[in-house]
N, C-alpha and C. Protein backbone atom coordinates (compact mmCIF):
# COMPACT_ATOMS: atom_id res chain seq x y z
N UNK A 1 7.29 -12.74 -2.18
CA UNK A 1 6.65 -13.14 -0.67
C UNK A 1 5.00 -13.53 -0.91
N UNK A 2 5.06 -14.58 -0.29
CA UNK A 2 3.01 -15.10 -0.29
C UNK A 2 2.96 -14.34 0.75
N UNK A 3 3.29 -13.76 1.91
CA UNK A 3 2.55 -12.79 2.66
C UNK A 3 2.79 -11.45 2.31
N UNK A 4 1.50 -10.86 2.60
CA UNK A 4 1.84 -8.50 2.39
C UNK A 4 3.26 -8.80 2.89
N UNK A 5 4.16 -7.42 2.42
CA UNK A 5 4.74 -6.79 2.82
C UNK A 5 4.56 -6.35 3.89
N UNK A 6 5.43 -6.40 4.95
CA UNK A 6 5.50 -6.17 6.62
C UNK A 6 5.74 -4.48 6.16
N UNK A 7 5.35 -3.84 7.20
CA UNK A 7 5.20 -2.23 7.39
C UNK A 7 6.89 -1.87 7.41
N UNK A 8 7.61 -3.18 7.98
CA UNK A 8 9.63 -2.95 8.03
C UNK A 8 9.91 -3.32 6.89
N UNK A 9 9.51 -4.45 6.09
CA UNK A 9 9.80 -4.73 4.64
C UNK A 9 9.07 -3.50 3.90
N UNK A 10 8.48 -2.76 3.96
CA UNK A 10 7.94 -1.97 2.93
C UNK A 10 8.84 -0.64 2.91
N UNK A 11 9.34 -0.44 4.34
CA UNK A 11 10.07 0.74 4.67
C UNK A 11 11.70 0.35 3.91
N UNK A 12 11.85 -0.80 4.34
CA UNK A 12 13.59 -1.39 3.80
C UNK A 12 13.42 -1.29 2.28
N UNK A 13 12.21 -1.14 1.52
CA UNK A 13 12.04 -1.39 -0.01
C UNK A 13 12.21 0.33 -0.19
N UNK A 14 11.66 0.83 0.50
CA UNK A 14 11.28 2.32 0.11
C UNK A 14 12.83 3.03 0.47
N UNK A 15 13.48 2.49 1.38
CA UNK A 15 14.76 3.15 1.27
C UNK A 15 15.85 2.72 0.13
N UNK A 16 15.91 1.72 -0.13
CA UNK A 16 16.60 1.08 -1.34
C UNK A 16 16.05 1.79 -2.88
N UNK A 17 14.65 2.43 -2.78
CA UNK A 17 14.36 2.78 -4.08
C UNK A 17 15.08 4.17 -4.30
N UNK A 18 15.68 4.31 -2.86
CA UNK A 18 16.62 6.01 -2.98
C UNK A 18 18.20 5.85 -3.41
N UNK A 19 18.32 4.06 -3.68
CA UNK A 19 19.74 3.69 -3.82
C UNK A 19 20.76 2.84 -3.11
N UNK A 20 21.24 2.11 -3.45
CA UNK A 20 22.02 1.11 -2.86
C UNK A 20 22.32 1.45 -1.41
N UNK A 21 22.48 0.26 -0.57
CA UNK A 21 23.03 0.52 1.04
C UNK A 21 22.88 -0.40 1.94
N UNK A 22 23.69 -0.21 3.24
CA UNK A 22 23.60 -1.28 3.63
C UNK A 22 22.80 -0.96 5.12
N UNK A 23 22.42 -2.08 5.94
CA UNK A 23 21.08 -2.14 6.97
C UNK A 23 21.51 -0.91 7.84
N UNK A 24 23.04 -0.62 8.09
CA UNK A 24 23.48 0.15 8.89
C UNK A 24 23.11 1.70 8.79
N UNK A 25 23.17 2.20 7.54
CA UNK A 25 22.78 2.86 6.88
C UNK A 25 21.31 3.23 6.56
N UNK A 26 20.59 2.48 6.25
CA UNK A 26 19.06 2.35 6.35
C UNK A 26 18.74 2.65 7.79
N UNK A 27 19.17 2.25 8.64
CA UNK A 27 18.67 2.49 10.16
C UNK A 27 18.94 3.92 10.74
N UNK A 28 19.87 4.69 9.98
CA UNK A 28 20.47 5.53 10.09
C UNK A 28 19.32 6.73 9.59
N UNK A 29 19.42 6.39 8.19
CA UNK A 29 18.30 6.83 7.47
C UNK A 29 17.00 7.36 8.07
N UNK A 30 16.34 6.59 8.46
CA UNK A 30 14.97 5.73 9.04
C UNK A 30 14.66 6.68 9.90
N UNK A 31 15.97 6.49 11.55
CA UNK A 31 15.87 7.50 11.77
C UNK A 31 16.09 9.06 12.09
N UNK A 32 17.00 9.35 10.78
CA UNK A 32 16.88 11.00 10.32
C UNK A 32 15.60 11.22 9.99
N UNK A 33 14.64 10.57 9.28
CA UNK A 33 13.60 11.00 8.50
C UNK A 33 12.34 10.65 9.23
N UNK A 34 12.58 10.27 10.58
CA UNK A 34 11.19 9.68 11.70
C UNK A 34 10.54 9.00 11.05
N UNK A 35 11.02 8.00 10.48
CA UNK A 35 10.54 6.56 10.32
C UNK A 35 10.06 5.76 10.76
N UNK A 36 10.49 5.90 11.99
CA UNK A 36 10.67 5.18 12.91
C UNK A 36 9.51 5.24 13.91
N UNK A 37 8.71 7.19 13.47
CA UNK A 37 7.44 7.07 14.35
C UNK A 37 6.48 6.38 13.76
N UNK A 38 6.52 6.16 12.53
CA UNK A 38 5.11 5.33 11.92
C UNK A 38 5.48 4.19 11.47
N UNK A 39 6.71 3.07 11.89
CA UNK A 39 7.08 1.39 11.78
C UNK A 39 8.16 1.52 13.05
N UNK A 40 7.87 0.51 13.46
CA UNK A 40 8.67 0.27 14.79
C UNK A 40 9.68 -0.60 14.02
N UNK A 41 11.00 -0.36 14.64
CA UNK A 41 12.33 -0.93 13.90
C UNK A 41 12.93 -1.01 15.26
N UNK A 42 13.76 -2.05 15.28
CA UNK A 42 14.94 -2.43 15.94
C UNK A 42 15.97 -3.03 15.28
N UNK A 43 16.99 -3.24 15.36
CA UNK A 43 18.26 -3.36 15.20
C UNK A 43 18.05 -4.64 14.23
N UNK A 44 17.56 -5.75 15.40
CA UNK A 44 17.41 -7.08 14.95
C UNK A 44 16.56 -7.50 13.95
N UNK A 45 15.12 -6.99 14.12
CA UNK A 45 14.49 -6.75 13.26
C UNK A 45 14.92 -6.30 11.53
N UNK A 46 15.18 -5.29 11.82
CA UNK A 46 15.81 -4.78 10.47
C UNK A 46 16.58 -5.89 9.60
N UNK A 47 17.60 -6.12 10.18
CA UNK A 47 18.42 -6.99 10.29
C UNK A 47 17.47 -8.38 9.11
N UNK A 48 16.61 -9.05 10.12
CA UNK A 48 16.00 -9.95 10.11
C UNK A 48 15.26 -9.58 8.59
N UNK A 49 14.33 -8.45 8.42
CA UNK A 49 13.68 -8.05 7.25
C UNK A 49 14.26 -8.15 6.00
N UNK A 50 15.57 -7.79 6.18
CA UNK A 50 16.44 -7.82 5.09
C UNK A 50 16.95 -8.91 4.11
N UNK A 51 16.78 -10.01 5.07
CA UNK A 51 17.48 -11.36 5.31
C UNK A 51 16.13 -11.76 4.26
N UNK A 52 14.90 -11.62 4.85
CA UNK A 52 13.99 -12.37 4.39
C UNK A 52 13.79 -12.00 2.81
N UNK A 53 13.55 -10.65 2.25
CA UNK A 53 13.52 -9.67 1.44
C UNK A 53 14.88 -10.24 0.42
N UNK A 54 15.65 -10.54 0.72
CA UNK A 54 16.86 -11.00 -0.12
C UNK A 54 16.29 -12.32 -0.51
N UNK A 55 16.32 -13.32 0.50
CA UNK A 55 15.71 -14.89 0.03
C UNK A 55 14.37 -15.19 -0.72
N UNK A 56 13.61 -13.41 -0.91
CA UNK A 56 12.55 -13.88 -1.55
C UNK A 56 12.79 -12.96 -2.92
N UNK A 57 13.98 -12.38 -3.01
CA UNK A 57 14.60 -11.81 -4.20
C UNK A 57 13.90 -10.65 -4.65
N UNK A 58 13.79 -9.92 -3.38
CA UNK A 58 12.86 -8.49 -3.63
C UNK A 58 13.98 -7.36 -3.68
N UNK A 59 15.22 -7.65 -2.97
CA UNK A 59 16.62 -7.17 -3.25
C UNK A 59 17.34 -8.04 -3.01
N UNK A 60 18.53 -7.34 -3.53
CA UNK A 60 19.78 -8.70 -3.61
C UNK A 60 21.21 -7.60 -3.54
N UNK A 61 21.84 -8.63 -2.93
CA UNK A 61 23.69 -7.74 -2.50
C UNK A 61 23.99 -7.42 -3.87
N UNK A 62 25.00 -6.44 -3.56
CA UNK A 62 25.92 -5.89 -4.66
C UNK A 62 27.04 -6.11 -3.92
N UNK A 63 27.73 -5.92 -3.06
CA UNK A 63 28.87 -5.80 -2.53
C UNK A 63 29.28 -5.93 -0.78
N UNK A 64 30.20 -6.55 -0.29
CA UNK A 64 30.17 -6.62 0.71
C UNK A 64 31.86 -6.47 0.99
N UNK A 65 31.99 -4.71 1.89
CA UNK A 65 33.08 -4.36 2.39
C UNK A 65 33.37 -4.62 3.82
N UNK A 66 34.71 -4.19 3.93
CA UNK A 66 35.20 -3.80 5.67
C UNK A 66 35.91 -2.57 5.38
N UNK A 67 35.63 -1.71 6.59
CA UNK A 67 36.17 -0.82 6.74
C UNK A 67 36.73 -0.80 8.08
N UNK A 68 38.26 -0.64 8.25
CA UNK A 68 39.21 -0.85 9.18
C UNK A 68 38.99 -2.07 10.16
N UNK A 69 38.48 -1.81 11.50
CA UNK A 69 38.07 -2.93 12.18
C UNK A 69 36.52 -3.16 12.30
N UNK A 70 35.59 -2.37 11.49
CA UNK A 70 34.28 -2.46 11.66
C UNK A 70 34.09 -4.00 11.28
N UNK A 71 32.75 -4.36 11.38
CA UNK A 71 32.34 -5.52 10.74
C UNK A 71 32.05 -5.35 9.14
N UNK A 72 32.18 -6.52 8.65
CA UNK A 72 31.90 -6.51 6.84
C UNK A 72 30.10 -6.01 7.36
N UNK A 73 30.06 -5.18 5.61
CA UNK A 73 28.90 -4.58 5.87
C UNK A 73 28.36 -5.32 4.17
N UNK A 74 27.54 -5.52 4.20
CA UNK A 74 26.80 -5.96 2.86
C UNK A 74 25.94 -4.90 1.96
N UNK A 75 26.11 -3.89 0.96
CA UNK A 75 25.40 -3.32 0.96
C UNK A 75 24.05 -3.72 -0.62
N UNK A 76 23.16 -3.53 -0.11
CA UNK A 76 22.09 -4.21 -1.02
C UNK A 76 21.35 -3.31 -1.88
N UNK A 77 20.48 -3.70 -2.85
CA UNK A 77 19.81 -2.93 -4.10
C UNK A 77 18.43 -3.47 -4.29
N UNK A 78 17.28 -3.01 -4.45
CA UNK A 78 16.25 -3.05 -4.83
C UNK A 78 16.49 -4.05 -5.97
N UNK A 79 15.15 -4.92 -6.26
CA UNK A 79 15.12 -5.41 -7.61
C UNK A 79 13.88 -4.92 -8.57
N UNK A 80 13.54 -5.35 -9.51
CA UNK A 80 12.14 -4.42 -10.34
C UNK A 80 11.22 -5.45 -9.46
N UNK A 81 11.57 -6.93 -9.15
CA UNK A 81 10.30 -7.38 -8.75
C UNK A 81 10.50 -6.38 -7.18
N UNK A 82 10.93 -6.02 -6.56
CA UNK A 82 11.10 -5.14 -4.95
C UNK A 82 10.09 -4.40 -5.29
N UNK A 83 10.60 -3.27 -6.33
CA UNK A 83 9.97 -2.18 -6.89
C UNK A 83 8.49 -2.65 -6.88
N UNK A 84 8.27 -3.35 -7.71
CA UNK A 84 6.34 -3.77 -8.15
C UNK A 84 6.02 -4.12 -6.92
N UNK A 85 6.62 -5.26 -5.90
CA UNK A 85 5.93 -5.35 -4.61
C UNK A 85 5.46 -4.13 -3.93
N UNK A 86 6.45 -3.27 -3.44
CA UNK A 86 6.20 -2.16 -3.48
C UNK A 86 5.33 -0.95 -3.50
N UNK A 87 4.88 -0.76 -4.47
CA UNK A 87 4.04 -0.21 -5.40
C UNK A 87 2.77 -0.83 -5.03
N UNK A 88 2.79 -2.26 -5.20
CA UNK A 88 1.08 -2.66 -4.75
C UNK A 88 0.89 -2.87 -3.58
N UNK A 89 2.13 -3.14 -2.58
CA UNK A 89 1.85 -2.76 -1.28
C UNK A 89 1.57 -1.50 -0.76
N UNK A 90 2.14 -0.74 -1.18
CA UNK A 90 1.67 1.10 -0.64
C UNK A 90 0.44 1.36 -1.07
N UNK A 91 0.08 0.73 -2.15
CA UNK A 91 -1.47 1.32 -3.20
C UNK A 91 -2.71 0.64 -1.91
N UNK A 92 -2.43 -0.77 -1.41
CA UNK A 92 -3.24 -1.34 -1.00
C UNK A 92 -3.54 -0.61 0.87
N UNK A 93 -2.29 -0.30 0.80
CA UNK A 93 -2.51 0.28 2.58
C UNK A 93 -2.91 1.70 2.40
N UNK A 94 -2.53 2.31 1.12
CA UNK A 94 -3.73 3.89 1.09
C UNK A 94 -4.99 3.65 0.69
N UNK A 95 -5.55 2.60 0.11
CA UNK A 95 -7.00 2.22 -0.57
C UNK A 95 -7.62 1.30 0.17
N UNK A 96 -7.23 0.27 0.59
CA UNK A 96 -8.11 -0.43 1.59
C UNK A 96 -8.57 -0.16 3.35
N UNK A 97 -8.94 0.20 3.99
CA UNK A 97 -9.40 0.22 5.44
C UNK A 97 -8.99 -0.92 5.97
N UNK A 98 -8.63 -0.98 7.23
CA UNK A 98 -8.44 -1.92 7.51
C UNK A 98 -9.49 -2.06 8.95
N UNK A 99 -10.26 -2.87 9.57
CA UNK A 99 -10.73 -2.86 11.11
C UNK A 99 -9.89 -3.27 11.75
N UNK A 100 -8.91 -2.20 12.98
CA UNK A 100 -8.25 -2.73 13.66
C UNK A 100 -9.15 -2.78 15.13
N UNK A 101 -8.12 -3.11 15.63
CA UNK A 101 -9.10 -2.88 17.11
C UNK A 101 -8.25 -2.77 18.02
N UNK A 102 -7.99 -1.50 18.36
CA UNK A 102 -7.05 -0.50 19.18
C UNK A 102 -7.66 -1.17 20.76
N UNK A 103 -6.40 -1.28 21.81
CA UNK A 103 -6.88 -1.71 22.75
C UNK A 103 -7.86 -0.40 23.71
N UNK A 104 -7.55 0.58 23.76
CA UNK A 104 -8.61 1.82 24.29
C UNK A 104 -9.68 1.45 23.63
N UNK A 105 -9.97 0.93 22.88
CA UNK A 105 -11.83 0.33 22.77
C UNK A 105 -11.93 -0.48 22.96
N UNK A 106 -11.33 -1.63 23.73
CA UNK A 106 -11.69 -2.83 24.20
C UNK A 106 -12.35 -2.24 25.53
N UNK A 107 -11.30 -1.51 26.21
CA UNK A 107 -11.36 -0.22 27.47
C UNK A 107 -12.60 0.22 27.28
N UNK A 108 -12.87 0.62 26.38
CA UNK A 108 -14.61 1.68 26.36
C UNK A 108 -15.61 0.64 26.35
N UNK A 109 -15.74 -0.62 25.47
CA UNK A 109 -16.74 -1.33 25.21
C UNK A 109 -16.69 -2.30 26.76
N UNK A 110 -15.74 -2.08 27.80
CA UNK A 110 -16.38 -2.71 29.10
C UNK A 110 -16.29 -1.47 30.29
N UNK A 111 -16.20 -0.67 29.74
CA UNK A 111 -16.34 0.77 30.80
C UNK A 111 -17.12 0.39 32.02
N UNK A 112 -18.16 0.29 32.08
CA UNK A 112 -18.65 0.03 33.25
C UNK A 112 -18.58 -1.09 34.20
N UNK A 113 -17.47 -1.77 33.95
CA UNK A 113 -17.26 -2.79 35.07
C UNK A 113 -16.40 -1.91 36.17
N UNK A 114 -16.03 -0.43 36.00
CA UNK A 114 -15.48 0.49 36.98
C UNK A 114 -16.23 1.76 37.06
N UNK A 115 -16.53 1.76 38.40
CA UNK A 115 -17.30 3.07 39.06
C UNK A 115 -16.66 4.41 38.32
N UNK A 116 -17.93 5.18 38.00
CA UNK A 116 -17.70 6.31 37.19
C UNK A 116 -16.54 7.12 37.61
N UNK A 117 -16.45 7.44 38.62
CA UNK A 117 -15.35 8.21 39.46
C UNK A 117 -14.06 7.76 39.08
N UNK A 118 -13.75 6.29 38.87
CA UNK A 118 -12.49 5.77 38.68
C UNK A 118 -12.29 5.97 36.97
N UNK A 119 -13.39 5.48 36.29
CA UNK A 119 -12.97 5.92 34.77
C UNK A 119 -13.03 7.32 34.66
N UNK A 120 -13.06 8.35 35.41
CA UNK A 120 -12.83 9.67 35.05
C UNK A 120 -11.37 9.92 35.56
N UNK A 121 -11.30 9.14 36.61
CA UNK A 121 -10.03 9.70 36.65
C UNK A 121 -8.75 9.19 35.84
N UNK A 122 -8.92 7.83 35.36
CA UNK A 122 -8.10 7.15 34.61
C UNK A 122 -8.01 7.95 33.00
N UNK A 123 -9.07 8.13 33.00
CA UNK A 123 -8.98 9.32 31.16
C UNK A 123 -8.65 10.28 31.50
N UNK A 124 -8.64 11.16 32.77
CA UNK A 124 -7.65 12.24 33.09
C UNK A 124 -6.39 11.91 32.90
N UNK A 125 -5.60 10.69 33.56
CA UNK A 125 -4.43 10.53 33.27
C UNK A 125 -3.83 10.15 31.66
N UNK A 126 -4.97 9.63 31.25
CA UNK A 126 -4.95 9.21 29.80
C UNK A 126 -4.51 10.26 29.15
N UNK A 127 -5.61 11.24 29.57
CA UNK A 127 -5.55 12.96 28.76
C UNK A 127 -4.25 13.57 28.99
N UNK A 128 -3.60 13.60 29.98
CA UNK A 128 -2.00 14.25 30.34
C UNK A 128 -1.30 13.65 28.96
N UNK A 129 -1.32 12.01 29.37
CA UNK A 129 -0.36 11.36 28.29
C UNK A 129 -0.61 11.71 26.89
N UNK A 130 -1.77 12.01 26.50
CA UNK A 130 -2.03 12.43 25.19
C UNK A 130 -1.51 13.57 24.85
N UNK A 131 -1.46 14.84 25.78
CA UNK A 131 -0.99 16.06 25.58
C UNK A 131 0.62 15.85 25.40
N UNK A 132 1.37 14.69 26.16
CA UNK A 132 2.49 14.92 26.05
C UNK A 132 2.87 14.21 24.47
N UNK A 133 2.48 13.10 24.24
CA UNK A 133 2.24 12.55 22.90
C UNK A 133 2.17 13.72 22.05
N UNK A 134 1.41 14.83 21.52
CA UNK A 134 1.13 15.55 20.51
C UNK A 134 2.26 16.57 20.60
N UNK A 135 2.68 16.99 22.13
CA UNK A 135 3.27 18.32 21.97
C UNK A 135 4.77 17.47 21.11
N UNK A 136 5.20 16.39 21.58
CA UNK A 136 6.18 15.35 21.18
C UNK A 136 6.12 15.60 19.23
N UNK A 137 5.19 14.97 18.97
CA UNK A 137 4.87 14.63 17.52
C UNK A 137 5.23 16.04 17.13
N UNK A 138 4.18 17.13 17.59
CA UNK A 138 4.71 18.72 16.56
C UNK A 138 6.13 18.76 17.17
N UNK A 139 6.51 18.86 17.81
CA UNK A 139 7.84 18.95 17.78
C UNK A 139 8.94 18.64 17.17
N UNK A 140 8.60 17.11 17.00
CA UNK A 140 9.52 16.66 15.85
C UNK A 140 9.09 17.03 14.64
N UNK A 141 7.65 17.04 14.10
CA UNK A 141 7.41 17.68 12.67
C UNK A 141 7.70 19.10 12.36
N UNK A 142 7.65 19.87 13.82
CA UNK A 142 8.46 21.00 13.07
C UNK A 142 9.85 21.28 12.93
N UNK A 143 10.59 20.58 13.78
CA UNK A 143 11.85 20.24 13.33
C UNK A 143 12.45 19.55 12.05
N UNK A 144 11.80 18.66 12.09
CA UNK A 144 12.06 18.15 10.70
C UNK A 144 11.62 19.15 8.94
N UNK A 145 10.47 20.00 9.34
CA UNK A 145 10.37 21.03 8.70
C UNK A 145 11.54 21.94 8.38
N UNK A 146 11.70 22.61 9.59
CA UNK A 146 12.66 23.44 9.73
C UNK A 146 14.31 22.80 9.24
N UNK A 147 14.11 21.58 9.10
CA UNK A 147 15.43 21.03 8.45
C UNK A 147 15.44 20.82 6.96
N UNK A 148 14.03 21.88 6.55
CA UNK A 148 13.79 21.23 5.18
C UNK A 148 12.78 20.45 4.12
N UNK A 149 12.77 19.15 5.40
CA UNK A 149 11.51 18.27 4.48
C UNK A 149 10.69 18.53 4.06
N UNK A 150 10.32 18.20 2.60
CA UNK A 150 8.84 18.55 2.45
C UNK A 150 7.52 17.67 2.85
N UNK A 151 6.70 18.55 2.83
CA UNK A 151 5.54 18.14 3.80
C UNK A 151 4.91 17.10 3.35
N UNK A 152 5.65 16.24 2.14
CA UNK A 152 4.88 14.89 1.78
C UNK A 152 5.55 13.89 2.38
N UNK A 153 6.57 13.96 2.49
CA UNK A 153 7.81 13.28 3.57
C UNK A 153 7.28 13.16 4.99
N UNK A 154 6.28 14.03 5.40
CA UNK A 154 5.61 13.97 6.69
C UNK A 154 4.13 13.51 6.85
N UNK A 155 3.66 13.46 5.77
CA UNK A 155 2.27 13.30 6.16
C UNK A 155 1.71 12.01 7.53
N UNK A 156 2.98 11.31 7.69
CA UNK A 156 2.27 10.40 8.64
C UNK A 156 2.26 11.17 10.03
N UNK A 157 3.29 11.96 9.90
CA UNK A 157 3.28 12.82 11.33
C UNK A 157 1.93 13.51 11.32
N UNK A 158 1.71 14.55 10.16
CA UNK A 158 0.29 15.08 10.22
C UNK A 158 -0.88 14.01 10.94
N UNK A 159 -0.84 12.99 10.20
CA UNK A 159 -1.49 12.09 10.48
C UNK A 159 -1.76 11.85 12.14
N UNK A 160 -0.88 11.08 12.44
CA UNK A 160 -0.90 11.13 14.06
C UNK A 160 -1.05 12.12 15.16
N UNK A 161 -0.69 13.74 14.30
CA UNK A 161 -0.76 14.65 15.36
C UNK A 161 -2.56 14.97 15.19
N UNK A 162 -3.13 14.90 14.06
CA UNK A 162 -4.67 14.67 13.79
C UNK A 162 -5.49 13.76 14.96
N UNK A 163 -4.71 12.57 14.74
CA UNK A 163 -5.16 11.61 15.77
C UNK A 163 -5.19 11.71 16.97
N UNK A 164 -4.00 12.24 17.34
CA UNK A 164 -3.80 12.56 18.94
C UNK A 164 -5.02 13.53 19.37
N UNK A 165 -4.74 14.29 18.50
CA UNK A 165 -5.44 15.74 18.65
C UNK A 165 -7.23 15.30 19.22
N UNK A 166 -7.72 14.31 17.86
CA UNK A 166 -9.02 13.72 17.96
C UNK A 166 -9.35 13.03 19.59
N UNK A 167 -8.36 12.11 19.55
CA UNK A 167 -8.48 11.42 20.93
C UNK A 167 -8.67 12.30 22.18
N UNK A 168 -7.73 12.76 22.25
CA UNK A 168 -7.59 13.71 23.30
C UNK A 168 -9.01 14.36 23.43
N UNK A 169 -9.56 14.72 22.56
CA UNK A 169 -10.73 15.88 22.46
C UNK A 169 -11.68 14.98 23.06
N UNK A 170 -11.88 13.60 22.55
CA UNK A 170 -12.98 12.41 22.94
C UNK A 170 -12.84 12.33 24.53
N UNK A 171 -11.36 12.14 24.59
CA UNK A 171 -11.38 11.57 26.07
C UNK A 171 -11.20 13.11 27.01
N UNK A 172 -11.28 13.97 26.90
CA UNK A 172 -11.43 14.88 27.61
C UNK A 172 -13.27 15.39 28.16
N UNK A 173 -13.46 15.51 26.35
CA UNK A 173 -15.27 15.36 27.08
C UNK A 173 -16.12 14.21 27.63
N UNK A 174 -15.83 12.93 27.51
CA UNK A 174 -15.74 11.77 28.37
C UNK A 174 -15.50 12.45 29.54
N UNK A 175 -14.54 12.50 30.12
CA UNK A 175 -13.94 12.36 31.47
C UNK A 175 -15.40 13.74 32.09
N UNK A 176 -15.48 14.83 31.39
CA UNK A 176 -16.29 16.14 32.02
C UNK A 176 -17.93 15.31 31.93
N UNK A 177 -18.35 15.02 30.81
CA UNK A 177 -19.71 13.80 30.84
C UNK A 177 -19.86 13.37 31.91
N UNK A 178 -18.80 12.21 32.80
CA UNK A 178 -18.88 11.76 33.79
C UNK A 178 -18.51 12.49 35.36
N UNK A 179 -17.62 13.18 35.18
CA UNK A 179 -17.98 13.68 36.48
C UNK A 179 -19.07 15.01 36.73
N UNK A 180 -19.83 15.26 35.53
CA UNK A 180 -20.89 16.21 35.64
C UNK A 180 -22.19 15.36 36.13
N UNK A 181 -22.28 14.06 35.64
CA UNK A 181 -22.87 13.05 35.87
C UNK A 181 -23.95 13.04 34.20
N UNK A 182 -23.27 13.88 33.36
CA UNK A 182 -24.37 13.55 32.44
C UNK A 182 -24.13 11.77 31.75
N UNK A 183 -23.11 11.42 32.00
CA UNK A 183 -23.12 9.66 31.74
C UNK A 183 -22.62 9.13 33.06
N UNK A 184 -23.98 7.93 33.03
CA UNK A 184 -23.91 7.48 34.26
C UNK A 184 -24.23 5.99 34.02
N UNK A 185 -23.92 5.03 34.65
CA UNK A 185 -24.52 3.51 34.34
C UNK A 185 -25.04 3.12 36.29
N UNK A 186 -24.90 3.87 37.11
CA UNK A 186 -24.47 3.39 38.25
C UNK A 186 -26.56 3.19 38.35
N UNK A 187 -27.24 3.44 37.50
CA UNK A 187 -28.92 2.89 37.73
C UNK A 187 -29.26 1.64 36.80
N UNK A 188 -28.07 1.21 36.36
CA UNK A 188 -28.07 -0.03 35.19
C UNK A 188 -28.67 -0.91 36.47
N UNK A 189 -29.92 -1.42 35.87
CA UNK A 189 -30.21 -3.06 36.58
C UNK A 189 -29.56 -3.95 36.47
N UNK A 190 -29.06 -3.95 35.31
CA UNK A 190 -28.19 -5.37 35.00
C UNK A 190 -27.25 -5.15 35.77
N UNK A 191 -25.92 -6.26 35.28
CA UNK A 191 -24.84 -6.41 36.68
C UNK A 191 -23.70 -5.54 35.65
N UNK A 192 -23.65 -4.60 36.34
CA UNK A 192 -22.72 -3.51 35.37
C UNK A 192 -21.13 -3.35 35.95
N UNK A 193 -20.69 -4.25 37.03
CA UNK A 193 -19.38 -3.97 37.43
C UNK A 193 -19.06 -5.22 38.20
N UNK A 194 -17.63 -5.60 38.27
CA UNK A 194 -17.13 -6.47 38.78
C UNK A 194 -17.11 -6.40 40.33
N UNK A 195 -17.42 -5.35 40.59
CA UNK A 195 -17.68 -5.03 41.98
C UNK A 195 -18.90 -5.14 42.90
N UNK A 196 -18.79 -5.77 43.83
CA UNK A 196 -20.06 -6.17 44.80
C UNK A 196 -20.03 -4.69 45.39
N UNK A 197 -21.97 -4.49 45.77
CA UNK A 197 -22.06 -3.30 46.26
C UNK A 197 -21.41 -2.48 46.80
N UNK A 198 -20.82 -3.22 48.12
CA UNK A 198 -20.25 -2.75 49.32
C UNK A 198 -18.58 -1.84 48.62
N UNK A 199 -17.91 -3.35 47.55
CA UNK A 199 -17.04 -2.37 47.37
C UNK A 199 -17.03 -1.07 46.57
N UNK A 200 -18.12 -1.15 45.39
CA UNK A 200 -18.58 0.20 44.52
C UNK A 200 -18.60 1.25 45.76
N UNK A 201 -19.06 0.84 46.75
CA UNK A 201 -19.41 2.25 47.87
C UNK A 201 -17.57 2.38 48.37
N UNK A 202 -16.95 1.19 48.44
CA UNK A 202 -15.76 1.56 48.90
C UNK A 202 -14.94 2.41 47.91
N UNK A 203 -14.99 2.08 46.64
CA UNK A 203 -14.15 2.55 45.56
C UNK A 203 -15.23 4.32 45.85
N UNK A 204 -16.46 4.75 45.58
CA UNK A 204 -16.30 6.12 45.71
C UNK A 204 -15.86 6.77 47.10
N UNK A 205 -15.99 5.95 47.96
CA UNK A 205 -15.53 6.94 49.47
C UNK A 205 -13.77 6.55 49.17
N UNK A 206 -13.24 5.84 48.91
CA UNK A 206 -11.89 6.21 48.35
C UNK A 206 -11.66 7.43 47.81
N UNK A 207 -12.12 7.46 46.54
CA UNK A 207 -12.27 8.54 45.46
C UNK A 207 -12.26 10.28 46.29
N UNK A 208 -13.36 9.94 47.18
CA UNK A 208 -13.94 11.18 47.77
C UNK A 208 -12.58 11.32 48.85
N UNK A 209 -12.19 10.71 49.57
CA UNK A 209 -10.69 10.60 50.16
C UNK A 209 -9.75 10.99 49.66
N UNK A 210 -9.50 10.60 48.79
CA UNK A 210 -8.14 11.36 47.55
C UNK A 210 -8.21 12.82 47.19
N UNK A 211 -9.81 12.95 46.80
CA UNK A 211 -10.33 14.61 46.32
C UNK A 211 -10.10 15.37 47.49
N UNK A 212 -10.41 14.74 48.92
CA UNK A 212 -10.44 15.99 50.15
C UNK A 212 -8.63 16.11 50.48
N UNK A 213 -8.28 14.62 50.27
CA UNK A 213 -6.37 15.00 50.79
C UNK A 213 -5.66 15.57 49.24
N UNK A 214 -6.34 15.77 48.45
CA UNK A 214 -5.63 16.87 47.40
C UNK A 214 -4.62 15.25 46.78
N UNK A 215 -5.09 14.57 46.73
CA UNK A 215 -4.07 13.15 45.53
C UNK A 215 -4.38 13.26 44.13
N UNK A 216 -3.13 13.08 43.56
CA UNK A 216 -3.76 13.18 42.12
C UNK A 216 -4.37 12.03 41.22
């Protein structure tokens, strides 16, 4: 393949390095091992990735069989070229940091377009969502460990847990700083908000009314 292997293509090769199987079995095993927590997998995208890998000679069909009234299923195996491609791509992913542009970073870059009180409220909402994600990933990780999966098979889960924990701490501290007044942009002489002064005052009054009424 001329382009670098996609995460899903690498997942397919990883599954087939464990032995020949058909795409439906791949999908089940991906779910069983929680690889779908690290790679976005849909039924259609998996089959498309299998077809592309086969066209590139990185995997090959071994046999096509039918069980009862079920559709025909083609069993695939990884080729030597496929193993080499998987090894090269994995080494790249581990060794070379890639500068990504997460959407949260975009929000932080333009944070002064909103009044401080509004930003703090949105950050508190994000913190609740992060806490839920953290609990979910910890639950999955604990469940898989209890089923006997070795730690090295769950390192992506460990990384996700640490990442969510770090972001949660950052978001909570940032909201604290905004609510206490340690961080503010209200005195910025430049244009720091899309709101007119009247709208900014309206937003502040609106927040005060929501707090007085006990709104979430």
